[in-house]
């Protein structure tokens, strides 16, 4: 199993656009979590059954578009790919983050 974790602090006026971008995540399963204290603090999880499927998505135009949109839709965001049979066995594959102010 491979999981893409996106932690995002949204620009409030960009929430709808972020949700549209999240729908483009071509994963086996996609989950979205919102902070109970801050509706603009979200975690998006995409699950793939195999590394090959995740790598194909990571090489796709849809993934490049998603990454590009994070810079304009979020005050800050962090992406992390992990693999493993369980959260305790997860191994970080690669990470990328953006911190944009303004």
PDB file of N, CA and C in Angstrom:
ATOM      1  N   UNK A   1       0.839  -1.169   0.000  1.00  0.00           N
ATOM      2  CA  UNK A   1       0.000   0.000   0.000  1.00  0.00           C
ATOM      3  C   UNK A   1       0.891   1.242   0.000  1.00  0.00           C
ATOM      4  N   UNK A   2       0.476   2.250  -0.758  1.00  0.00           N
ATOM      5  CA  UNK A   2       1.163   3.531  -0.794  1.00  0.00           C
ATOM      6  C   UNK A   2       0.137   4.611  -0.498  1.00  0.00           C
ATOM      7  N   UNK A   3       0.520   5.561   0.326  1.00  0.00           N
ATOM      8  CA  UNK A   3      -0.384   6.636   0.739  1.00  0.00           C
ATOM      9  C   UNK A   3       0.274   7.978   0.443  1.00  0.00           C
ATOM     10  N   UNK A   4      -0.483   8.872  -0.172  1.00  0.00           N
ATOM     11  CA  UNK A   4      -0.070  10.260  -0.334  1.00  0.00           C
ATOM     12  C   UNK A   4      -0.795  11.058   0.738  1.00  0.00           C
ATOM     13  N   UNK A   5      -0.031  11.750   1.572  1.00  0.00           N
ATOM     14  CA  UNK A   5      -0.597  12.581   2.628  1.00  0.00           C
ATOM     15  C   UNK A   5      -0.366  14.037   2.244  1.00  0.00           C
ATOM     16  N   UNK A   6      -1.437  14.794   2.162  1.00  0.00           N
ATOM     17  CA  UNK A   6      -1.332  16.225   1.889  1.00  0.00           C
ATOM     18  C   UNK A   6      -1.918  16.958   3.084  1.00  0.00           C
ATOM     19  N   UNK A   7      -1.072  17.728   3.758  1.00  0.00           N
ATOM     20  CA  UNK A   7      -1.515  18.584   4.858  1.00  0.00           C
ATOM     21  C   UNK A   7      -1.591  19.989   4.297  1.00  0.00           C
ATOM     22  N   UNK A   8      -2.734  20.643   4.459  1.00  0.00           N
ATOM     23  CA  UNK A   8      -2.928  21.946   3.832  1.00  0.00           C
ATOM     24  C   UNK A   8      -3.609  22.930   4.784  1.00  0.00           C
ATOM     25  N   UNK A   9      -3.098  24.137   4.784  1.00  0.00           N
ATOM     26  CA  UNK A   9      -3.759  25.260   5.431  1.00  0.00           C
ATOM     27  C   UNK A   9      -4.304  26.113   4.291  1.00  0.00           C
ATOM     28  N   UNK A  10      -5.607  26.002   4.053  1.00  0.00           N
ATOM     29  CA  UNK A  10      -6.227  26.649   2.899  1.00  0.00           C
ATOM     30  C   UNK A  10      -6.348  28.152   3.069  1.00  0.00           C
ATOM     31  N   UNK A  11      -6.332  28.832   1.940  1.00  0.00           N
ATOM     32  CA  UNK A  11      -6.788  30.214   1.901  1.00  0.00           C
ATOM     33  C   UNK A  11      -8.317  30.095   1.929  1.00  0.00           C
ATOM     34  N   UNK A  12      -8.989  30.754   2.872  1.00  0.00           N
ATOM     35  CA  UNK A  12     -10.440  30.550   3.042  1.00  0.00           C
ATOM     36  C   UNK A  12     -11.254  30.710   1.759  1.00  0.00           C
ATOM     37  N   UNK A  13     -10.892  31.644   0.920  1.00  0.00           N
ATOM     38  CA  UNK A  13     -11.652  31.881  -0.307  1.00  0.00           C
ATOM     39  C   UNK A  13     -11.376  30.826  -1.386  1.00  0.00           C
ATOM     40  N   UNK A  14     -10.448  29.917  -1.147  1.00  0.00           N
ATOM     41  CA  UNK A  14     -10.047  28.907  -2.127  1.00  0.00           C
ATOM     42  C   UNK A  14     -10.524  27.499  -1.776  1.00  0.00           C
ATOM     43  N   UNK A  15     -11.372  27.367  -0.775  1.00  0.00           N
ATOM     44  CA  UNK A  15     -11.819  26.059  -0.309  1.00  0.00           C
ATOM     45  C   UNK A  15     -12.482  25.234  -1.422  1.00  0.00           C
ATOM     46  N   UNK A  16     -13.410  25.839  -2.147  1.00  0.00           N
ATOM     47  CA  UNK A  16     -14.131  25.127  -3.204  1.00  0.00           C
ATOM     48  C   UNK A  16     -13.158  24.629  -4.279  1.00  0.00           C
ATOM     49  N   UNK A  17     -12.205  25.471  -4.683  1.00  0.00           N
ATOM     50  CA  UNK A  17     -11.219  25.071  -5.690  1.00  0.00           C
ATOM     51  C   UNK A  17     -10.347  23.926  -5.187  1.00  0.00           C
ATOM     52  N   UNK A  18      -9.981  23.960  -3.887  1.00  0.00           N
ATOM     53  CA  UNK A  18      -9.177  22.877  -3.328  1.00  0.00           C
ATOM     54  C   UNK A  18      -9.947  21.561  -3.384  1.00  0.00           C
ATOM     55  N   UNK A  19     -11.212  21.588  -3.037  1.00  0.00           N
ATOM     56  CA  UNK A  19     -12.020  20.368  -3.061  1.00  0.00           C
ATOM     57  C   UNK A  19     -12.156  19.827  -4.483  1.00  0.00           C
ATOM     58  N   UNK A  20     -12.257  20.712  -5.470  1.00  0.00           N
ATOM     59  CA  UNK A  20     -12.291  20.268  -6.864  1.00  0.00           C
ATOM     60  C   UNK A  20     -10.966  19.596  -7.240  1.00  0.00           C
ATOM     61  N   UNK A  21      -9.843  20.163  -6.799  1.00  0.00           N
ATOM     62  CA  UNK A  21      -8.533  19.563  -7.061  1.00  0.00           C
ATOM     63  C   UNK A  21      -8.415  18.204  -6.378  1.00  0.00           C
ATOM     64  N   UNK A  22      -8.945  18.099  -5.173  1.00  0.00           N
ATOM     65  CA  UNK A  22      -8.878  16.835  -4.429  1.00  0.00           C
ATOM     66  C   UNK A  22      -9.633  15.734  -5.161  1.00  0.00           C
ATOM     67  N   UNK A  23     -10.694  16.088  -5.847  1.00  0.00           N
ATOM     68  CA  UNK A  23     -11.465  15.088  -6.594  1.00  0.00           C
ATOM     69  C   UNK A  23     -10.676  14.509  -7.762  1.00  0.00           C
ATOM     70  N   UNK A  24      -9.624  15.201  -8.181  1.00  0.00           N
ATOM     71  CA  UNK A  24      -8.815  14.709  -9.302  1.00  0.00           C
ATOM     72  C   UNK A  24      -7.790  13.667  -8.869  1.00  0.00           C
ATOM     73  N   UNK A  25      -7.711  13.409  -7.578  1.00  0.00           N
ATOM     74  CA  UNK A  25      -6.743  12.448  -7.058  1.00  0.00           C
ATOM     75  C   UNK A  25      -7.149  11.053  -7.519  1.00  0.00           C
ATOM     76  N   UNK A  26      -6.388  10.475  -8.444  1.00  0.00           N
ATOM     77  CA  UNK A  26      -6.716   9.187  -9.052  1.00  0.00           C
ATOM     78  C   UNK A  26      -6.197   8.047  -8.188  1.00  0.00           C
ATOM     79  N   UNK A  27      -6.809   7.871  -7.035  1.00  0.00           N
ATOM     80  CA  UNK A  27      -6.375   6.855  -6.083  1.00  0.00           C
ATOM     81  C   UNK A  27      -7.464   5.801  -5.896  1.00  0.00           C
ATOM     82  N   UNK A  28      -7.066   4.679  -5.319  1.00  0.00           N
ATOM     83  CA  UNK A  28      -8.005   3.616  -4.984  1.00  0.00           C
ATOM     84  C   UNK A  28      -9.048   4.138  -3.992  1.00  0.00           C
ATOM     85  N   UNK A  29      -8.586   4.933  -3.045  1.00  0.00           N
ATOM     86  CA  UNK A  29      -9.455   5.516  -2.024  1.00  0.00           C
ATOM     87  C   UNK A  29      -8.910   6.896  -1.669  1.00  0.00           C
ATOM     88  N   UNK A  30      -9.813   7.860  -1.480  1.00  0.00           N
ATOM     89  CA  UNK A  30      -9.432   9.221  -1.103  1.00  0.00           C
ATOM     90  C   UNK A  30     -10.236   9.607   0.130  1.00  0.00           C
ATOM     91  N   UNK A  31      -9.541  10.150   1.137  1.00  0.00           N
ATOM     92  CA  UNK A  31     -10.199  10.604   2.369  1.00  0.00           C
ATOM     93  C   UNK A  31      -9.773  12.028   2.663  1.00  0.00           C
ATOM     94  N   UNK A  32     -10.691  12.805   3.209  1.00  0.00           N
ATOM     95  CA  UNK A  32     -10.420  14.188   3.569  1.00  0.00           C
ATOM     96  C   UNK A  32     -10.808  14.396   5.020  1.00  0.00           C
ATOM     97  N   UNK A  33      -9.893  14.984   5.790  1.00  0.00           N
ATOM     98  CA  UNK A  33     -10.133  15.246   7.202  1.00  0.00           C
ATOM     99  C   UNK A  33      -9.985  16.733   7.456  1.00  0.00           C
ATOM    100  N   UNK A  34     -10.851  17.268   8.308  1.00  0.00           N
ATOM    101  CA  UNK A  34     -10.838  18.686   8.641  1.00  0.00           C
ATOM    102  C   UNK A  34     -10.626  18.840  10.138  1.00  0.00           C
ATOM    103  N   UNK A  35      -9.833  19.827  10.517  1.00  0.00           N
ATOM    104  CA  UNK A  35      -9.620  20.120  11.928  1.00  0.00           C
ATOM    105  C   UNK A  35     -10.934  20.587  12.560  1.00  0.00           C
ATOM    106  N   UNK A  36     -11.179  20.181  13.783  1.00  0.00           N
ATOM    107  CA  UNK A  36     -12.378  20.650  14.481  1.00  0.00           C
ATOM    108  C   UNK A  36     -12.221  22.098  14.931  1.00  0.00           C
ATOM    109  N   UNK A  37     -10.987  22.580  15.007  1.00  0.00           N
ATOM    110  CA  UNK A  37     -10.725  23.941  15.461  1.00  0.00           C
ATOM    111  C   UNK A  37     -10.561  24.940  14.322  1.00  0.00           C
ATOM    112  N   UNK A  38     -10.270  24.461  13.114  1.00  0.00           N
ATOM    113  CA  UNK A  38      -9.979  25.355  11.993  1.00  0.00           C
ATOM    114  C   UNK A  38     -10.441  24.686  10.710  1.00  0.00           C
ATOM    115  N   UNK A  39     -11.550  25.136  10.145  1.00  0.00           N
ATOM    116  CA  UNK A  39     -12.112  24.483   8.959  1.00  0.00           C
ATOM    117  C   UNK A  39     -11.214  24.587   7.722  1.00  0.00           C
ATOM    118  N   UNK A  40     -10.209  25.444   7.773  1.00  0.00           N
ATOM    119  CA  UNK A  40      -9.290  25.580   6.648  1.00  0.00           C
ATOM    120  C   UNK A  40      -8.020  24.751   6.816  1.00  0.00           C
ATOM    121  N   UNK A  41      -7.931  23.978   7.887  1.00  0.00           N
ATOM    122  CA  UNK A  41      -6.804  23.071   8.111  1.00  0.00           C
ATOM    123  C   UNK A  41      -7.268  21.659   7.759  1.00  0.00           C
ATOM    124  N   UNK A  42      -6.732  21.129   6.650  1.00  0.00           N
ATOM    125  CA  UNK A  42      -7.201  19.854   6.116  1.00  0.00           C
ATOM    126  C   UNK A  42      -6.062  18.867   5.923  1.00  0.00           C
ATOM    127  N   UNK A  43      -6.410  17.593   5.954  1.00  0.00           N
ATOM    128  CA  UNK A  43      -5.498  16.517   5.577  1.00  0.00           C
ATOM    129  C   UNK A  43      -6.221  15.680   4.533  1.00  0.00           C
ATOM    130  N   UNK A  44      -5.562  15.483   3.401  1.00  0.00           N
ATOM    131  CA  UNK A  44      -6.095  14.700   2.300  1.00  0.00           C
ATOM    132  C   UNK A  44      -5.226  13.456   2.156  1.00  0.00           C
ATOM    133  N   UNK A  45      -5.863  12.290   2.127  1.00  0.00           N
ATOM    134  CA  UNK A  45      -5.138  11.022   1.977  1.00  0.00           C
ATOM    135  C   UNK A  45      -5.586  10.332   0.702  1.00  0.00           C
ATOM    136  N   UNK A  46      -4.630   9.887  -0.089  1.00  0.00           N
ATOM    137  CA  UNK A  46      -4.903   9.058  -1.255  1.00  0.00           C
ATOM    138  C   UNK A  46      -4.200   7.729  -1.065  1.00  0.00           C
ATOM    139  N   UNK A  47      -4.900   6.631  -1.324  1.00  0.00           N
ATOM    140  CA  UNK A  47      -4.355   5.280  -1.126  1.00  0.00           C
ATOM    141  C   UNK A  47      -4.254   4.561  -2.463  1.00  0.00           C
ATOM    142  N   UNK A  48      -3.106   3.928  -2.702  1.00  0.00           N
ATOM    143  CA  UNK A  48      -2.898   3.088  -3.880  1.00  0.00           C
ATOM    144  C   UNK A  48      -2.516   1.691  -3.407  1.00  0.00           C
ATOM    145  N   UNK A  49      -2.932   0.676  -4.150  1.00  0.00           N
ATOM    146  CA  UNK A  49      -2.661  -0.706  -3.762  1.00  0.00           C
ATOM    147  C   UNK A  49      -1.207  -1.097  -3.979  1.00  0.00           C
ATOM    148  N   UNK A  50      -0.533  -0.437  -4.935  1.00  0.00           N
ATOM    149  CA  UNK A  50       0.850  -0.829  -5.236  1.00  0.00           C
ATOM    150  C   UNK A  50       1.704   0.398  -5.514  1.00  0.00           C
ATOM    151  N   UNK A  51       3.015   0.214  -5.389  1.00  0.00           N
ATOM    152  CA  UNK A  51       3.950   1.298  -5.708  1.00  0.00           C
ATOM    153  C   UNK A  51       3.858   1.662  -7.178  1.00  0.00           C
ATOM    154  N   UNK A  52       3.686   0.681  -8.036  1.00  0.00           N
ATOM    155  CA  UNK A  52       3.600   0.942  -9.472  1.00  0.00           C
ATOM    156  C   UNK A  52       2.451   1.893  -9.787  1.00  0.00           C
ATOM    157  N   UNK A  53       1.283   1.646  -9.199  1.00  0.00           N
ATOM    158  CA  UNK A  53       0.124   2.515  -9.431  1.00  0.00           C
ATOM    159  C   UNK A  53       0.374   3.924  -8.895  1.00  0.00           C
ATOM    160  N   UNK A  54       0.985   4.017  -7.725  1.00  0.00           N
ATOM    161  CA  UNK A  54       1.290   5.327  -7.143  1.00  0.00           C
ATOM    162  C   UNK A  54       2.307   6.067  -7.998  1.00  0.00           C
ATOM    163  N   UNK A  55       3.312   5.351  -8.487  1.00  0.00           N
ATOM    164  CA  UNK A  55       4.335   5.979  -9.329  1.00  0.00           C
ATOM    165  C   UNK A  55       3.742   6.473 -10.646  1.00  0.00           C
ATOM    166  N   UNK A  56       2.806   5.720 -11.198  1.00  0.00           N
ATOM    167  CA  UNK A  56       2.140   6.157 -12.425  1.00  0.00           C
ATOM    168  C   UNK A  56       1.377   7.451 -12.177  1.00  0.00           C
ATOM    169  N   UNK A  57       0.672   7.518 -11.036  1.00  0.00           N
ATOM    170  CA  UNK A  57      -0.044   8.754 -10.717  1.00  0.00           C
ATOM    171  C   UNK A  57       0.943   9.902 -10.482  1.00  0.00           C
ATOM    172  N   UNK A  58       2.037   9.637  -9.772  1.00  0.00           N
ATOM    173  CA  UNK A  58       3.018  10.683  -9.470  1.00  0.00           C
ATOM    174  C   UNK A  58       3.675  11.235 -10.735  1.00  0.00           C
ATOM    175  N   UNK A  59       3.674  10.458 -11.814  1.00  0.00           N
ATOM    176  CA  UNK A  59       4.249  10.906 -13.081  1.00  0.00           C
ATOM    177  C   UNK A  59       3.209  11.558 -13.995  1.00  0.00           C
ATOM    178  N   UNK A  60       1.965  11.624 -13.540  1.00  0.00           N
ATOM    179  CA  UNK A  60       0.880  12.104 -14.395  1.00  0.00           C
ATOM    180  C   UNK A  60       0.733  13.625 -14.382  1.00  0.00           C
ATOM    181  N   UNK A  61       0.070  14.107 -15.413  1.00  0.00           N
ATOM    182  CA  UNK A  61      -0.250  15.539 -15.499  1.00  0.00           C
ATOM    183  C   UNK A  61      -1.203  15.940 -14.371  1.00  0.00           C
ATOM    184  N   UNK A  62      -2.109  15.050 -13.987  1.00  0.00           N
ATOM    185  CA  UNK A  62      -3.058  15.342 -12.906  1.00  0.00           C
ATOM    186  C   UNK A  62      -2.311  15.626 -11.595  1.00  0.00           C
ATOM    187  N   UNK A  63      -1.259  14.860 -11.314  1.00  0.00           N
ATOM    188  CA  UNK A  63      -0.488  15.083 -10.091  1.00  0.00           C
ATOM    189  C   UNK A  63       0.283  16.405 -10.173  1.00  0.00           C
ATOM    190  N   UNK A  64       0.871  16.683 -11.326  1.00  0.00           N
ATOM    191  CA  UNK A  64       1.581  17.960 -11.490  1.00  0.00           C
ATOM    192  C   UNK A  64       0.624  19.131 -11.308  1.00  0.00           C
ATOM    193  N   UNK A  65      -0.594  19.007 -11.845  1.00  0.00           N
ATOM    194  CA  UNK A  65      -1.591  20.066 -11.691  1.00  0.00           C
ATOM    195  C   UNK A  65      -2.005  20.226 -10.222  1.00  0.00           C
ATOM    196  N   UNK A  66      -2.183  19.105  -9.531  1.00  0.00           N
ATOM    197  CA  UNK A  66      -2.533  19.158  -8.108  1.00  0.00           C
ATOM    198  C   UNK A  66      -1.445  19.867  -7.314  1.00  0.00           C
ATOM    199  N   UNK A  67      -0.188  19.483  -7.539  1.00  0.00           N
ATOM    200  CA  UNK A  67       0.936  20.124  -6.828  1.00  0.00           C
ATOM    201  C   UNK A  67       0.993  21.611  -7.138  1.00  0.00           C
ATOM    202  N   UNK A  68       0.783  21.966  -8.389  1.00  0.00           N
ATOM    203  CA  UNK A  68       0.815  23.372  -8.765  1.00  0.00           C
ATOM    204  C   UNK A  68      -0.304  24.167  -8.116  1.00  0.00           C
ATOM    205  N   UNK A  69      -1.464  23.554  -7.978  1.00  0.00           N
ATOM    206  CA  UNK A  69      -2.601  24.261  -7.389  1.00  0.00           C
ATOM    207  C   UNK A  69      -2.409  24.518  -5.898  1.00  0.00           C
ATOM    208  N   UNK A  70      -1.627  23.686  -5.232  1.00  0.00           N
ATOM    209  CA  UNK A  70      -1.435  23.870  -3.786  1.00  0.00           C
ATOM    210  C   UNK A  70      -0.800  25.224  -3.469  1.00  0.00           C
ATOM    211  N   UNK A  71       0.100  25.680  -4.326  1.00  0.00           N
ATOM    212  CA  UNK A  71       0.757  26.961  -4.092  1.00  0.00           C
ATOM    213  C   UNK A  71      -0.183  28.143  -4.138  1.00  0.00           C
ATOM    214  N   UNK A  72      -1.254  28.043  -4.924  1.00  0.00           N
ATOM    215  CA  UNK A  72      -2.186  29.157  -5.029  1.00  0.00           C
ATOM    216  C   UNK A  72      -3.406  28.998  -4.127  1.00  0.00           C
ATOM    217  N   UNK A  73      -3.737  27.762  -3.761  1.00  0.00           N
ATOM    218  CA  UNK A  73      -4.928  27.519  -2.957  1.00  0.00           C
ATOM    219  C   UNK A  73      -4.655  27.482  -1.458  1.00  0.00           C
ATOM    220  N   UNK A  74      -3.392  27.321  -1.084  1.00  0.00           N
ATOM    221  CA  UNK A  74      -3.045  27.110   0.322  1.00  0.00           C
ATOM    222  C   UNK A  74      -2.058  28.167   0.805  1.00  0.00           C
ATOM    223  N   UNK A  75      -2.199  28.520   2.073  1.00  0.00           N
ATOM    224  CA  UNK A  75      -1.188  29.380   2.702  1.00  0.00           C
ATOM    225  C   UNK A  75       0.094  28.587   2.875  1.00  0.00           C
ATOM    226  N   UNK A  76      -0.035  27.317   3.215  1.00  0.00           N
ATOM    227  CA  UNK A  76       1.105  26.407   3.268  1.00  0.00           C
ATOM    228  C   UNK A  76       0.574  24.988   3.079  1.00  0.00           C
ATOM    229  N   UNK A  77       1.425  24.121   2.562  1.00  0.00           N
ATOM    230  CA  UNK A  77       1.030  22.735   2.356  1.00  0.00           C
ATOM    231  C   UNK A  77       2.269  21.853   2.441  1.00  0.00           C
ATOM    232  N   UNK A  78       2.015  20.588   2.692  1.00  0.00           N
ATOM    233  CA  UNK A  78       3.092  19.599   2.783  1.00  0.00           C
ATOM    234  C   UNK A  78       2.592  18.308   2.158  1.00  0.00           C
ATOM    235  N   UNK A  79       3.405  17.706   1.306  1.00  0.00           N
ATOM    236  CA  UNK A  79       3.075  16.424   0.680  1.00  0.00           C
ATOM    237  C   UNK A  79       4.071  15.385   1.155  1.00  0.00           C
ATOM    238  N   UNK A  80       3.564  14.184   1.399  1.00  0.00           N
ATOM    239  CA  UNK A  80       4.443  13.103   1.829  1.00  0.00           C
ATOM    240  C   UNK A  80       3.897  11.789   1.284  1.00  0.00           C
ATOM    241  N   UNK A  81       4.762  11.011   0.653  1.00  0.00           N
ATOM    242  CA  UNK A  81       4.421   9.673   0.181  1.00  0.00           C
ATOM    243  C   UNK A  81       4.948   8.674   1.206  1.00  0.00           C
ATOM    244  N   UNK A  82       4.112   7.721   1.612  1.00  0.00           N
ATOM    245  CA  UNK A  82       4.541   6.682   2.552  1.00  0.00           C
ATOM    246  C   UNK A  82       4.085   5.322   2.023  1.00  0.00           C
ATOM    247  N   UNK A  83       4.811   4.284   2.415  1.00  0.00           N
ATOM    248  CA  UNK A  83       4.408   2.935   2.035  1.00  0.00           C
ATOM    249  C   UNK A  83       4.538   2.018   3.245  1.00  0.00           C
ATOM    250  N   UNK A  84       3.781   0.942   3.223  1.00  0.00           N
ATOM    251  CA  UNK A  84       3.834  -0.038   4.297  1.00  0.00           C
ATOM    252  C   UNK A  84       2.500  -0.728   4.445  1.00  0.00           C
ATOM    253  N   UNK A  85       2.496  -1.810   5.194  1.00  0.00           N
ATOM    254  CA  UNK A  85       1.266  -2.550   5.426  1.00  0.00           C
ATOM    255  C   UNK A  85       0.403  -1.910   6.495  1.00  0.00           C
ATOM    256  N   UNK A  86       1.022  -1.060   7.312  1.00  0.00           N
ATOM    257  CA  UNK A  86       0.278  -0.378   8.368  1.00  0.00           C
ATOM    258  C   UNK A  86       0.978   0.943   8.664  1.00  0.00           C
ATOM    259  N   UNK A  87       0.308   1.797   9.405  1.00  0.00           N
ATOM    260  CA  UNK A  87       0.904   3.094   9.743  1.00  0.00           C
ATOM    261  C   UNK A  87       2.205   2.911  10.512  1.00  0.00           C
ATOM    262  N   UNK A  88       2.286   1.894  11.361  1.00  0.00           N
ATOM    263  CA  UNK A  88       3.508   1.692  12.144  1.00  0.00           C
ATOM    264  C   UNK A  88       4.674   1.215  11.286  1.00  0.00           C
ATOM    265  N   UNK A  89       4.378   0.631  10.105  1.00  0.00           N
ATOM    266  CA  UNK A  89       5.425   0.164   9.210  1.00  0.00           C
ATOM    267  C   UNK A  89       5.680   1.128   8.057  1.00  0.00           C
ATOM    268  N   UNK A  90       5.004   2.259   8.067  1.00  0.00           N
ATOM    269  CA  UNK A  90       5.101   3.190   6.941  1.00  0.00           C
ATOM    270  C   UNK A  90       6.526   3.694   6.782  1.00  0.00           C
ATOM    271  N   UNK A  91       6.935   3.775   5.544  1.00  0.00           N
ATOM    272  CA  UNK A  91       8.267   4.259   5.196  1.00  0.00           C
ATOM    273  C   UNK A  91       8.091   5.466   4.285  1.00  0.00           C
ATOM    274  N   UNK A  92       8.736   6.556   4.614  1.00  0.00           N
ATOM    275  CA  UNK A  92       8.620   7.749   3.797  1.00  0.00           C
ATOM    276  C   UNK A  92       9.352   7.526   2.480  1.00  0.00           C
ATOM    277  N   UNK A  93       8.648   7.732   1.365  1.00  0.00           N
ATOM    278  CA  UNK A  93       9.250   7.596   0.053  1.00  0.00           C
ATOM    279  C   UNK A  93       9.870   8.908  -0.405  1.00  0.00           C
ATOM    280  N   UNK A  94       9.131   9.985  -0.278  1.00  0.00           N
ATOM    281  CA  UNK A  94       9.654  11.310  -0.611  1.00  0.00           C
ATOM    282  C   UNK A  94       8.707  12.348  -0.040  1.00  0.00           C
ATOM    283  N   UNK A  95       9.209  13.529   0.212  1.00  0.00           N
ATOM    284  CA  UNK A  95       8.416  14.614   0.762  1.00  0.00           C
ATOM    285  C   UNK A  95       8.631  15.881  -0.062  1.00  0.00           C
ATOM    286  N   UNK A  96       7.629  16.706  -0.084  1.00  0.00           N
ATOM    287  CA  UNK A  96       7.743  18.015  -0.726  1.00  0.00           C
ATOM    288  C   UNK A  96       6.800  18.946   0.004  1.00  0.00           C
ATOM    289  N   UNK A  97       7.250  20.154   0.267  1.00  0.00           N
ATOM    290  CA  UNK A  97       6.409  21.113   0.968  1.00  0.00           C
ATOM    291  C   UNK A  97       6.500  22.480   0.337  1.00  0.00           C
ATOM    292  N   UNK A  98       5.475  23.274   0.575  1.00  0.00           N
ATOM    293  CA  UNK A  98       5.507  24.657   0.128  1.00  0.00           C
ATOM    294  C   UNK A  98       5.073  25.525   1.286  1.00  0.00           C
ATOM    295  N   UNK A  99       5.680  26.637   1.424  1.00  0.00           N
ATOM    296  CA  UNK A  99       5.278  27.633   2.403  1.00  0.00           C
ATOM    297  C   UNK A  99       5.213  28.953   1.673  1.00  0.00           C
ATOM    298  N   UNK A 100       3.995  29.385   1.428  1.00  0.00           N
ATOM    299  CA  UNK A 100       3.802  30.633   0.715  1.00  0.00           C
ATOM    300  C   UNK A 100       2.968  31.541   1.579  1.00  0.00           C
ATOM    301  N   UNK A 101       3.385  32.736   1.721  1.00  0.00           N
ATOM    302  CA  UNK A 101       2.661  33.731   2.497  1.00  0.00           C
ATOM    303  C   UNK A 101       2.015  34.719   1.545  1.00  0.00           C
ATOM    304  N   UNK A 102       0.906  35.298   2.008  1.00  0.00           N
ATOM    305  CA  UNK A 102       0.314  36.396   1.242  1.00  0.00           C
ATOM    306  C   UNK A 102      -0.787  36.026   0.411  1.00  0.00           C
TER     307      UNK A 102
END
